[in-house]
Amino acid sequence: MKSQAEEFKLPYAYWGASLSHIDSKIASEIINWVKNPINILFLRGVPGCGKTYLMAAILNDSWGKKRNENKTVRYMYEKRMFNKIRMKAGPGSFEDPMGYAMDLCEADYLMIDDFGSSKETDFIRDVWEMIMDERLNWGKRRSTVISSNLSNEEINERFGGRTASRILCKANTQVLFDNYDRRLDPVMGRK
C-alpha cells in the first residue's frame, strides 16, 4: 500500500515520514494544530532542516486519510505550482490559468512547500494574494500548511503587506526550526 507522501508524489525519502520520528516538542505542537487545523500552520527554517519531512508526516499520519472522508487535499511545491499555472496560460491554450489556482483555493486542506522560492513577479504576488484571500477571508476558512526559508521581513518585502499580513497574522501556529541543514550530515561526515 502506498504512503500518502508517495501518492502526492513527494520524493522517496519522505514516503515513511511520521510524526513519531519528529522531536516531541514540535510533534505535540503539530498534533494540537492537526486536531483543530484552522487557518495556517507556518513552518520556517533553513533548507534541509525538516520542513518538507514534517509536511510529509502530516500527510501520512493525518491529512492523507481525509481523502477517504471526501475531503480534498492538495500538496504542491511552489515552483511546480506556478509552472502548472503558466502552462495553462501558454500559447494556444484556451484554459483559464487561474482555474488551477482556484482549485488550490477551494481545497479543504492545502500544503504549499517552499513558499517564496519562485522568481518574484507581479503575477506571482497577485496569485498568492488571491489564494490567501480565498482561503482565509471568504466563506469557510480552509486549513493551510506553508513552509518557507523566508523571514517575516522577507515575506513582507517580496509579497507586500496584504499577502504578508494574511499569512503571518492568520498563522495560528508557527514552527521555527533550528538553523541546521540535516541533509549536509553525510557530506560533512556527521551522523
N, C-alpha and C. Protein backbone atom coordinates (compact mmCIF):
# COMPACT_ATOMS: atom_id res chain seq x y z
N MET A 1 0.84 -1.18 0.00
CA MET A 1 0.00 0.00 0.00
C MET A 1 0.89 1.25 0.00
N LYS A 2 0.55 2.21 -0.83
CA LYS A 2 1.34 3.43 -0.93
C LYS A 2 1.12 4.33 0.27
N SER A 3 2.19 5.02 0.68
CA SER A 3 2.04 6.05 1.71
C SER A 3 1.40 7.26 1.05
N GLN A 4 0.84 8.14 1.88
CA GLN A 4 0.24 9.36 1.34
C GLN A 4 1.30 10.23 0.67
N ALA A 5 2.50 10.27 1.25
CA ALA A 5 3.58 11.06 0.65
C ALA A 5 3.91 10.55 -0.74
N GLU A 6 3.88 9.23 -0.93
CA GLU A 6 4.11 8.66 -2.25
C GLU A 6 2.96 9.02 -3.19
N GLU A 7 1.72 8.91 -2.72
CA GLU A 7 0.55 9.27 -3.52
C GLU A 7 0.64 10.71 -4.02
N PHE A 8 1.14 11.61 -3.17
CA PHE A 8 1.23 13.01 -3.53
C PHE A 8 2.53 13.35 -4.26
N LYS A 9 3.28 12.30 -4.63
CA LYS A 9 4.50 12.43 -5.45
C LYS A 9 5.62 13.22 -4.77
N LEU A 10 5.70 13.08 -3.45
CA LEU A 10 6.86 13.62 -2.76
C LEU A 10 8.03 12.67 -3.01
N PRO A 11 9.27 13.16 -2.90
CA PRO A 11 10.42 12.28 -3.11
C PRO A 11 10.41 11.07 -2.18
N TYR A 12 11.05 10.01 -2.63
CA TYR A 12 11.10 8.73 -1.91
C TYR A 12 11.51 8.89 -0.45
N ALA A 13 12.44 9.79 -0.17
CA ALA A 13 12.94 9.97 1.20
C ALA A 13 11.84 10.31 2.20
N TYR A 14 10.69 10.78 1.72
CA TYR A 14 9.60 11.21 2.62
C TYR A 14 8.47 10.19 2.73
N TRP A 15 8.54 9.09 2.00
CA TRP A 15 7.43 8.15 2.00
C TRP A 15 7.15 7.55 3.37
N GLY A 16 8.18 7.38 4.18
CA GLY A 16 7.99 6.80 5.51
C GLY A 16 7.90 7.84 6.62
N ALA A 17 7.75 9.10 6.26
CA ALA A 17 7.72 10.18 7.27
C ALA A 17 6.57 9.97 8.24
N SER A 18 6.85 10.24 9.51
CA SER A 18 5.84 10.08 10.55
C SER A 18 6.10 11.08 11.67
N LEU A 19 5.02 11.55 12.27
CA LEU A 19 5.17 12.46 13.41
C LEU A 19 5.89 11.79 14.57
N SER A 20 5.86 10.45 14.62
CA SER A 20 6.56 9.74 15.69
C SER A 20 8.08 9.86 15.55
N HIS A 21 8.56 10.29 14.39
CA HIS A 21 10.00 10.47 14.16
C HIS A 21 10.46 11.90 14.40
N ILE A 22 9.55 12.77 14.82
CA ILE A 22 9.83 14.20 14.98
C ILE A 22 10.11 14.50 16.46
N ASP A 23 10.92 15.50 16.71
CA ASP A 23 11.15 15.98 18.07
C ASP A 23 9.81 16.12 18.79
N SER A 24 9.72 15.61 20.02
CA SER A 24 8.43 15.54 20.73
C SER A 24 7.78 16.90 20.95
N LYS A 25 8.58 17.94 21.18
CA LYS A 25 8.00 19.28 21.38
C LYS A 25 7.32 19.77 20.10
N ILE A 26 8.02 19.62 18.96
CA ILE A 26 7.45 20.03 17.68
C ILE A 26 6.26 19.14 17.35
N ALA A 27 6.39 17.83 17.55
CA ALA A 27 5.30 16.91 17.24
C ALA A 27 4.04 17.25 18.02
N SER A 28 4.16 17.61 19.30
CA SER A 28 2.97 17.94 20.09
C SER A 28 2.30 19.22 19.58
N GLU A 29 3.11 20.21 19.15
CA GLU A 29 2.54 21.42 18.53
C GLU A 29 1.76 21.07 17.28
N ILE A 30 2.34 20.21 16.46
CA ILE A 30 1.71 19.82 15.20
C ILE A 30 0.45 19.02 15.47
N ILE A 31 0.51 18.08 16.38
CA ILE A 31 -0.66 17.25 16.70
C ILE A 31 -1.80 18.13 17.21
N ASN A 32 -1.49 19.10 18.06
CA ASN A 32 -2.54 20.02 18.53
C ASN A 32 -3.14 20.81 17.38
N TRP A 33 -2.31 21.27 16.45
CA TRP A 33 -2.83 22.02 15.31
C TRP A 33 -3.66 21.12 14.40
N VAL A 34 -3.19 19.89 14.16
CA VAL A 34 -3.90 18.97 13.28
C VAL A 34 -5.29 18.65 13.84
N LYS A 35 -5.43 18.59 15.17
CA LYS A 35 -6.73 18.32 15.78
C LYS A 35 -7.74 19.43 15.50
N ASN A 36 -7.26 20.65 15.35
CA ASN A 36 -8.12 21.79 15.06
C ASN A 36 -7.41 22.69 14.05
N PRO A 37 -7.31 22.22 12.80
CA PRO A 37 -6.47 22.90 11.81
C PRO A 37 -7.12 24.13 11.19
N ILE A 38 -7.30 25.15 11.98
CA ILE A 38 -7.89 26.39 11.49
C ILE A 38 -6.76 27.29 11.04
N ASN A 39 -6.98 27.96 9.93
CA ASN A 39 -6.03 28.92 9.40
C ASN A 39 -4.74 28.26 8.94
N ILE A 40 -3.60 28.81 9.34
CA ILE A 40 -2.32 28.42 8.75
C ILE A 40 -1.36 27.85 9.78
N LEU A 41 -0.70 26.77 9.39
CA LEU A 41 0.46 26.26 10.10
C LEU A 41 1.64 26.70 9.26
N PHE A 42 2.51 27.51 9.83
CA PHE A 42 3.64 28.09 9.10
C PHE A 42 4.93 27.47 9.60
N LEU A 43 5.67 26.81 8.71
CA LEU A 43 6.92 26.15 9.03
C LEU A 43 8.06 26.94 8.41
N ARG A 44 9.00 27.38 9.23
CA ARG A 44 10.08 28.21 8.71
C ARG A 44 11.43 27.69 9.21
N GLY A 45 12.40 27.69 8.28
CA GLY A 45 13.76 27.30 8.64
C GLY A 45 14.64 27.24 7.41
N VAL A 46 15.91 26.99 7.62
CA VAL A 46 16.87 26.92 6.51
C VAL A 46 16.59 25.68 5.67
N PRO A 47 17.10 25.65 4.43
CA PRO A 47 16.95 24.43 3.63
C PRO A 47 17.53 23.23 4.38
N GLY A 48 16.81 22.11 4.31
CA GLY A 48 17.31 20.88 4.90
C GLY A 48 17.01 20.70 6.38
N CYS A 49 16.24 21.59 6.99
CA CYS A 49 16.02 21.49 8.44
C CYS A 49 14.85 20.57 8.80
N GLY A 50 14.05 20.14 7.84
CA GLY A 50 12.99 19.18 8.13
C GLY A 50 11.57 19.65 7.82
N LYS A 51 11.41 20.77 7.14
CA LYS A 51 10.06 21.29 6.86
C LYS A 51 9.27 20.34 5.95
N THR A 52 9.88 19.90 4.85
CA THR A 52 9.17 19.01 3.93
C THR A 52 8.90 17.67 4.58
N TYR A 53 9.84 17.18 5.38
CA TYR A 53 9.63 15.92 6.10
C TYR A 53 8.41 16.06 7.01
N LEU A 54 8.30 17.17 7.70
CA LEU A 54 7.16 17.38 8.60
C LEU A 54 5.85 17.44 7.81
N MET A 55 5.87 18.08 6.65
CA MET A 55 4.66 18.11 5.82
C MET A 55 4.27 16.69 5.39
N ALA A 56 5.27 15.90 4.99
CA ALA A 56 5.00 14.51 4.59
C ALA A 56 4.45 13.72 5.78
N ALA A 57 4.97 13.97 6.97
CA ALA A 57 4.47 13.28 8.16
C ALA A 57 3.01 13.63 8.42
N ILE A 58 2.64 14.89 8.24
CA ILE A 58 1.23 15.29 8.41
C ILE A 58 0.37 14.59 7.37
N LEU A 59 0.86 14.52 6.13
CA LEU A 59 0.11 13.80 5.09
C LEU A 59 -0.06 12.33 5.45
N ASN A 60 1.04 11.69 5.82
CA ASN A 60 0.99 10.26 6.12
C ASN A 60 0.15 9.93 7.35
N ASP A 61 0.28 10.73 8.40
CA ASP A 61 -0.36 10.41 9.68
C ASP A 61 -1.77 10.97 9.83
N SER A 62 -2.14 11.95 9.01
CA SER A 62 -3.41 12.60 9.27
C SER A 62 -4.15 13.03 8.01
N TRP A 63 -3.65 14.05 7.34
CA TRP A 63 -4.40 14.68 6.25
C TRP A 63 -4.68 13.75 5.09
N GLY A 64 -3.76 12.88 4.76
CA GLY A 64 -3.99 11.97 3.63
C GLY A 64 -5.21 11.12 3.83
N LYS A 65 -5.52 10.80 5.07
CA LYS A 65 -6.70 9.98 5.38
C LYS A 65 -8.00 10.77 5.17
N LYS A 66 -7.90 12.09 5.12
CA LYS A 66 -9.09 12.92 4.93
C LYS A 66 -9.70 12.67 3.55
N ARG A 67 -8.88 12.23 2.60
CA ARG A 67 -9.42 11.96 1.26
C ARG A 67 -10.47 10.87 1.32
N ASN A 68 -10.36 9.97 2.29
CA ASN A 68 -11.36 8.92 2.46
C ASN A 68 -12.67 9.48 3.01
N GLU A 69 -12.63 10.70 3.51
CA GLU A 69 -13.83 11.37 4.05
C GLU A 69 -14.37 12.38 3.03
N ASN A 70 -14.03 12.19 1.75
CA ASN A 70 -14.44 13.10 0.67
C ASN A 70 -13.96 14.52 0.89
N LYS A 71 -12.78 14.67 1.46
CA LYS A 71 -12.15 15.98 1.60
C LYS A 71 -11.06 16.09 0.55
N THR A 72 -10.87 17.29 0.02
CA THR A 72 -9.81 17.48 -0.96
C THR A 72 -8.53 17.93 -0.26
N VAL A 73 -7.47 17.23 -0.59
CA VAL A 73 -6.15 17.51 -0.02
C VAL A 73 -5.21 17.78 -1.20
N ARG A 74 -4.49 18.88 -1.13
CA ARG A 74 -3.52 19.23 -2.17
C ARG A 74 -2.17 19.52 -1.54
N TYR A 75 -1.13 18.91 -2.11
CA TYR A 75 0.25 19.23 -1.74
C TYR A 75 0.90 19.78 -2.99
N MET A 76 1.59 20.91 -2.88
CA MET A 76 2.24 21.47 -4.05
C MET A 76 3.53 22.17 -3.66
N TYR A 77 4.59 21.83 -4.38
CA TYR A 77 5.85 22.55 -4.29
C TYR A 77 5.64 23.85 -5.08
N GLU A 78 5.98 25.00 -4.50
CA GLU A 78 5.61 26.28 -5.10
C GLU A 78 6.04 26.42 -6.56
N LYS A 79 7.28 26.09 -6.88
CA LYS A 79 7.73 26.26 -8.26
C LYS A 79 6.92 25.39 -9.22
N ARG A 80 6.59 24.17 -8.82
CA ARG A 80 5.78 23.28 -9.64
C ARG A 80 4.37 23.87 -9.83
N MET A 81 3.84 24.47 -8.77
CA MET A 81 2.51 25.09 -8.83
C MET A 81 2.49 26.18 -9.90
N PHE A 82 3.48 27.09 -9.86
CA PHE A 82 3.49 28.17 -10.84
C PHE A 82 3.80 27.68 -12.25
N ASN A 83 4.58 26.61 -12.38
CA ASN A 83 4.79 26.03 -13.71
C ASN A 83 3.47 25.51 -14.29
N LYS A 84 2.65 24.86 -13.46
CA LYS A 84 1.34 24.38 -13.92
C LYS A 84 0.45 25.54 -14.33
N ILE A 85 0.44 26.59 -13.55
CA ILE A 85 -0.39 27.76 -13.88
C ILE A 85 0.09 28.38 -15.19
N ARG A 86 1.40 28.51 -15.36
CA ARG A 86 1.95 29.10 -16.60
C ARG A 86 1.65 28.22 -17.81
N MET A 87 1.72 26.90 -17.66
CA MET A 87 1.43 26.00 -18.78
C MET A 87 -0.02 26.18 -19.24
N LYS A 88 -0.91 26.37 -18.31
CA LYS A 88 -2.32 26.57 -18.67
C LYS A 88 -2.52 27.89 -19.39
N ALA A 89 -1.60 28.83 -19.18
CA ALA A 89 -1.71 30.14 -19.83
C ALA A 89 -0.86 30.20 -21.09
N GLY A 90 -0.27 29.07 -21.49
CA GLY A 90 0.66 29.07 -22.62
C GLY A 90 0.00 29.37 -23.96
N PRO A 91 0.83 29.55 -24.99
CA PRO A 91 0.33 29.86 -26.34
C PRO A 91 -0.65 28.79 -26.82
N GLY A 92 -1.77 29.23 -27.36
CA GLY A 92 -2.77 28.31 -27.90
C GLY A 92 -3.66 27.68 -26.84
N SER A 93 -3.43 27.98 -25.59
CA SER A 93 -4.25 27.40 -24.53
C SER A 93 -5.56 28.18 -24.39
N PHE A 94 -6.63 27.42 -24.27
CA PHE A 94 -7.94 28.05 -24.05
C PHE A 94 -8.37 27.91 -22.60
N GLU A 95 -7.51 27.32 -21.78
CA GLU A 95 -7.83 27.14 -20.37
C GLU A 95 -7.55 28.41 -19.59
N ASP A 96 -8.33 28.61 -18.57
CA ASP A 96 -8.12 29.74 -17.67
C ASP A 96 -6.98 29.38 -16.74
N PRO A 97 -5.86 30.12 -16.79
CA PRO A 97 -4.73 29.77 -15.92
C PRO A 97 -5.08 29.89 -14.45
N MET A 98 -6.04 30.72 -14.12
CA MET A 98 -6.40 30.89 -12.72
C MET A 98 -7.32 29.77 -12.22
N GLY A 99 -7.83 28.95 -13.15
CA GLY A 99 -8.67 27.83 -12.75
C GLY A 99 -7.93 26.87 -11.83
N TYR A 100 -6.68 26.60 -12.15
CA TYR A 100 -5.86 25.72 -11.31
C TYR A 100 -5.64 26.35 -9.94
N ALA A 101 -5.36 27.66 -9.94
CA ALA A 101 -5.18 28.36 -8.66
C ALA A 101 -6.46 28.29 -7.84
N MET A 102 -7.62 28.41 -8.49
CA MET A 102 -8.89 28.32 -7.77
C MET A 102 -9.09 26.94 -7.17
N ASP A 103 -8.62 25.89 -7.87
CA ASP A 103 -8.69 24.54 -7.32
C ASP A 103 -7.92 24.48 -6.00
N LEU A 104 -6.77 25.14 -5.95
CA LEU A 104 -6.00 25.19 -4.70
C LEU A 104 -6.73 26.00 -3.63
N CYS A 105 -7.36 27.09 -4.06
CA CYS A 105 -8.11 27.93 -3.11
C CYS A 105 -9.21 27.14 -2.43
N GLU A 106 -9.85 26.26 -3.19
CA GLU A 106 -11.05 25.57 -2.70
C GLU A 106 -10.76 24.24 -2.03
N ALA A 107 -9.51 23.77 -2.07
CA ALA A 107 -9.18 22.50 -1.41
C ALA A 107 -9.44 22.62 0.09
N ASP A 108 -9.96 21.56 0.67
CA ASP A 108 -10.20 21.57 2.12
C ASP A 108 -8.88 21.70 2.89
N TYR A 109 -7.85 21.02 2.39
CA TYR A 109 -6.54 21.03 3.03
C TYR A 109 -5.49 21.30 1.96
N LEU A 110 -4.65 22.31 2.20
CA LEU A 110 -3.64 22.70 1.21
C LEU A 110 -2.27 22.79 1.89
N MET A 111 -1.28 22.20 1.22
CA MET A 111 0.11 22.31 1.67
C MET A 111 0.92 22.93 0.56
N ILE A 112 1.60 24.03 0.86
CA ILE A 112 2.49 24.68 -0.10
C ILE A 112 3.90 24.59 0.45
N ASP A 113 4.75 23.88 -0.25
CA ASP A 113 6.13 23.66 0.17
C ASP A 113 7.04 24.66 -0.53
N ASP A 114 7.92 25.26 0.22
CA ASP A 114 8.95 26.17 -0.29
C ASP A 114 8.37 27.49 -0.80
N PHE A 115 7.42 28.04 -0.03
CA PHE A 115 6.82 29.33 -0.35
C PHE A 115 7.92 30.39 -0.53
N GLY A 116 7.83 31.16 -1.61
CA GLY A 116 8.80 32.21 -1.89
C GLY A 116 9.99 31.76 -2.70
N SER A 117 9.97 30.52 -3.19
CA SER A 117 11.12 30.04 -3.96
C SER A 117 11.07 30.43 -5.43
N SER A 118 9.90 30.82 -5.91
CA SER A 118 9.77 31.24 -7.31
C SER A 118 10.30 32.65 -7.49
N LYS A 119 10.72 32.94 -8.71
CA LYS A 119 11.20 34.28 -9.02
C LYS A 119 10.06 35.28 -8.80
N GLU A 120 10.38 36.35 -8.13
CA GLU A 120 9.38 37.35 -7.77
C GLU A 120 8.87 38.10 -9.00
N THR A 121 7.54 38.08 -9.20
CA THR A 121 6.90 38.84 -10.28
C THR A 121 5.57 39.37 -9.76
N ASP A 122 5.00 40.33 -10.47
CA ASP A 122 3.67 40.83 -10.10
C ASP A 122 2.64 39.72 -10.18
N PHE A 123 2.76 38.85 -11.21
CA PHE A 123 1.82 37.75 -11.37
C PHE A 123 1.84 36.83 -10.14
N ILE A 124 3.04 36.47 -9.69
CA ILE A 124 3.16 35.58 -8.54
C ILE A 124 2.58 36.25 -7.29
N ARG A 125 2.87 37.53 -7.10
CA ARG A 125 2.28 38.25 -5.95
C ARG A 125 0.76 38.26 -6.03
N ASP A 126 0.21 38.49 -7.24
CA ASP A 126 -1.24 38.52 -7.40
C ASP A 126 -1.88 37.16 -7.13
N VAL A 127 -1.25 36.09 -7.61
CA VAL A 127 -1.79 34.75 -7.38
C VAL A 127 -1.79 34.43 -5.89
N TRP A 128 -0.68 34.72 -5.21
CA TRP A 128 -0.63 34.46 -3.77
C TRP A 128 -1.68 35.26 -3.01
N GLU A 129 -1.86 36.52 -3.38
CA GLU A 129 -2.87 37.33 -2.71
C GLU A 129 -4.26 36.72 -2.90
N MET A 130 -4.55 36.29 -4.12
CA MET A 130 -5.84 35.67 -4.39
C MET A 130 -6.02 34.37 -3.60
N ILE A 131 -5.00 33.52 -3.59
CA ILE A 131 -5.11 32.25 -2.86
C ILE A 131 -5.35 32.51 -1.38
N MET A 132 -4.57 33.41 -0.79
CA MET A 132 -4.73 33.67 0.64
C MET A 132 -6.08 34.33 0.94
N ASP A 133 -6.51 35.26 0.09
CA ASP A 133 -7.84 35.88 0.26
C ASP A 133 -8.93 34.83 0.25
N GLU A 134 -8.91 33.99 -0.78
CA GLU A 134 -9.96 32.98 -0.95
C GLU A 134 -9.96 31.98 0.20
N ARG A 135 -8.79 31.54 0.62
CA ARG A 135 -8.72 30.51 1.66
C ARG A 135 -9.05 31.04 3.04
N LEU A 136 -8.74 32.30 3.30
CA LEU A 136 -8.84 32.79 4.67
C LEU A 136 -9.95 33.80 4.92
N ASN A 137 -10.39 34.51 3.91
CA ASN A 137 -11.31 35.61 4.15
C ASN A 137 -12.73 35.38 3.66
N TRP A 138 -12.93 34.48 2.71
CA TRP A 138 -14.25 34.32 2.12
C TRP A 138 -14.84 32.98 2.51
N GLY A 139 -16.01 33.02 3.11
CA GLY A 139 -16.70 31.77 3.44
C GLY A 139 -15.94 30.94 4.46
N LYS A 140 -15.92 29.65 4.21
CA LYS A 140 -15.28 28.70 5.13
C LYS A 140 -13.76 28.87 5.12
N ARG A 141 -13.19 29.05 6.29
CA ARG A 141 -11.73 29.12 6.38
C ARG A 141 -11.17 27.72 6.19
N ARG A 142 -10.18 27.63 5.33
CA ARG A 142 -9.62 26.33 4.99
C ARG A 142 -8.22 26.18 5.58
N SER A 143 -7.90 24.97 5.94
CA SER A 143 -6.62 24.68 6.59
C SER A 143 -5.48 24.69 5.57
N THR A 144 -4.38 25.33 5.97
CA THR A 144 -3.25 25.51 5.07
C THR A 144 -1.95 25.31 5.84
N VAL A 145 -1.03 24.57 5.25
CA VAL A 145 0.33 24.45 5.77
C VAL A 145 1.26 25.06 4.75
N ILE A 146 2.11 25.97 5.21
CA ILE A 146 3.08 26.64 4.33
C ILE A 146 4.47 26.45 4.93
N SER A 147 5.42 26.05 4.08
CA SER A 147 6.82 26.02 4.52
C SER A 147 7.59 27.06 3.73
N SER A 148 8.59 27.65 4.38
CA SER A 148 9.39 28.69 3.71
C SER A 148 10.74 28.83 4.37
N ASN A 149 11.69 29.32 3.58
CA ASN A 149 13.00 29.70 4.10
C ASN A 149 13.05 31.18 4.43
N LEU A 150 11.98 31.92 4.10
CA LEU A 150 11.97 33.38 4.23
C LEU A 150 11.61 33.83 5.64
N SER A 151 12.20 34.94 6.06
CA SER A 151 11.83 35.57 7.33
C SER A 151 10.55 36.38 7.12
N ASN A 152 9.94 36.82 8.22
CA ASN A 152 8.75 37.68 8.13
C ASN A 152 9.04 38.91 7.28
N GLU A 153 10.19 39.52 7.51
CA GLU A 153 10.57 40.73 6.77
C GLU A 153 10.70 40.46 5.28
N GLU A 154 11.31 39.31 4.93
CA GLU A 154 11.46 38.97 3.52
C GLU A 154 10.11 38.70 2.86
N ILE A 155 9.20 38.07 3.59
CA ILE A 155 7.85 37.83 3.05
C ILE A 155 7.16 39.15 2.78
N ASN A 156 7.25 40.07 3.72
CA ASN A 156 6.63 41.39 3.55
C ASN A 156 7.25 42.12 2.35
N GLU A 157 8.56 42.08 2.24
CA GLU A 157 9.27 42.74 1.13
C GLU A 157 8.88 42.18 -0.23
N ARG A 158 8.86 40.85 -0.33
CA ARG A 158 8.63 40.20 -1.62
C ARG A 158 7.18 40.18 -2.05
N PHE A 159 6.27 40.05 -1.09
CA PHE A 159 4.87 39.83 -1.45
C PHE A 159 3.96 40.99 -1.07
N GLY A 160 4.49 41.96 -0.37
CA GLY A 160 3.68 43.12 0.02
C GLY A 160 2.90 42.86 1.29
N GLY A 161 2.42 43.96 1.86
CA GLY A 161 1.75 43.90 3.15
C GLY A 161 0.49 43.07 3.18
N ARG A 162 -0.30 43.08 2.11
CA ARG A 162 -1.56 42.35 2.11
C ARG A 162 -1.34 40.84 2.26
N THR A 163 -0.49 40.29 1.42
CA THR A 163 -0.24 38.85 1.48
C THR A 163 0.52 38.48 2.75
N ALA A 164 1.52 39.28 3.11
CA ALA A 164 2.28 39.01 4.33
C ALA A 164 1.35 39.02 5.55
N SER A 165 0.45 39.99 5.60
CA SER A 165 -0.48 40.09 6.71
C SER A 165 -1.38 38.85 6.79
N ARG A 166 -1.88 38.43 5.65
CA ARG A 166 -2.76 37.26 5.64
C ARG A 166 -2.03 36.00 6.11
N ILE A 167 -0.82 35.83 5.64
CA ILE A 167 -0.08 34.62 6.00
C ILE A 167 0.39 34.69 7.46
N LEU A 168 1.05 35.78 7.82
CA LEU A 168 1.68 35.84 9.14
C LEU A 168 0.68 36.06 10.27
N CYS A 169 -0.35 36.82 10.04
CA CYS A 169 -1.33 37.08 11.10
C CYS A 169 -2.33 35.94 11.26
N LYS A 170 -2.56 35.19 10.20
CA LYS A 170 -3.51 34.07 10.28
C LYS A 170 -2.81 32.77 10.65
N ALA A 171 -1.50 32.80 10.77
CA ALA A 171 -0.76 31.59 11.16
C ALA A 171 -0.90 31.43 12.67
N ASN A 172 -1.91 30.65 13.06
CA ASN A 172 -2.11 30.48 14.50
C ASN A 172 -1.07 29.55 15.11
N THR A 173 -0.29 28.88 14.28
CA THR A 173 0.84 28.09 14.78
C THR A 173 2.02 28.31 13.84
N GLN A 174 3.14 28.75 14.41
CA GLN A 174 4.37 28.88 13.64
C GLN A 174 5.42 27.98 14.27
N VAL A 175 6.06 27.18 13.45
CA VAL A 175 7.13 26.31 13.93
C VAL A 175 8.42 26.84 13.31
N LEU A 176 9.32 27.28 14.17
CA LEU A 176 10.61 27.79 13.73
C LEU A 176 11.65 26.71 13.98
N PHE A 177 12.24 26.22 12.92
CA PHE A 177 13.24 25.17 13.03
C PHE A 177 14.59 25.78 13.35
N ASP A 178 15.48 24.96 13.93
CA ASP A 178 16.84 25.45 14.15
C ASP A 178 17.51 25.66 12.79
N ASN A 179 18.54 26.41 12.77
CA ASN A 179 19.24 26.72 11.51
C ASN A 179 20.31 25.67 11.23
N TYR A 180 19.86 24.45 11.03
CA TYR A 180 20.76 23.33 10.85
C TYR A 180 20.29 22.50 9.66
N ASP A 181 21.10 22.37 8.64
CA ASP A 181 20.77 21.62 7.43
C ASP A 181 21.16 20.16 7.63
N ARG A 182 20.17 19.31 7.93
CA ARG A 182 20.42 17.90 8.17
C ARG A 182 20.86 17.15 6.91
N ARG A 183 20.51 17.64 5.74
CA ARG A 183 20.90 16.97 4.51
C ARG A 183 22.41 16.99 4.32
N LEU A 184 23.10 17.94 4.95
CA LEU A 184 24.55 18.02 4.82
C LEU A 184 25.30 17.04 5.73
N ASP A 185 24.60 16.40 6.66
CA ASP A 185 25.27 15.50 7.59
C ASP A 185 26.16 14.46 6.90
N PRO A 186 25.64 13.69 5.94
CA PRO A 186 26.51 12.69 5.31
C PRO A 186 27.69 13.29 4.55
N VAL A 187 27.46 14.44 3.94
CA VAL A 187 28.52 15.11 3.17
C VAL A 187 29.61 15.62 4.08
N MET A 188 29.22 16.09 5.26
CA MET A 188 30.16 16.68 6.20
C MET A 188 30.72 15.64 7.17
N GLY A 189 30.32 14.35 7.01
CA GLY A 189 30.83 13.30 7.88
C GLY A 189 30.14 13.27 9.24
N ARG A 190 28.98 13.95 9.36
CA ARG A 190 28.23 13.94 10.63
C ARG A 190 27.25 12.79 10.60
N LYS A 191 26.93 12.28 11.78
CA LYS A 191 25.95 11.18 11.88
C LYS A 191 24.63 11.70 12.33
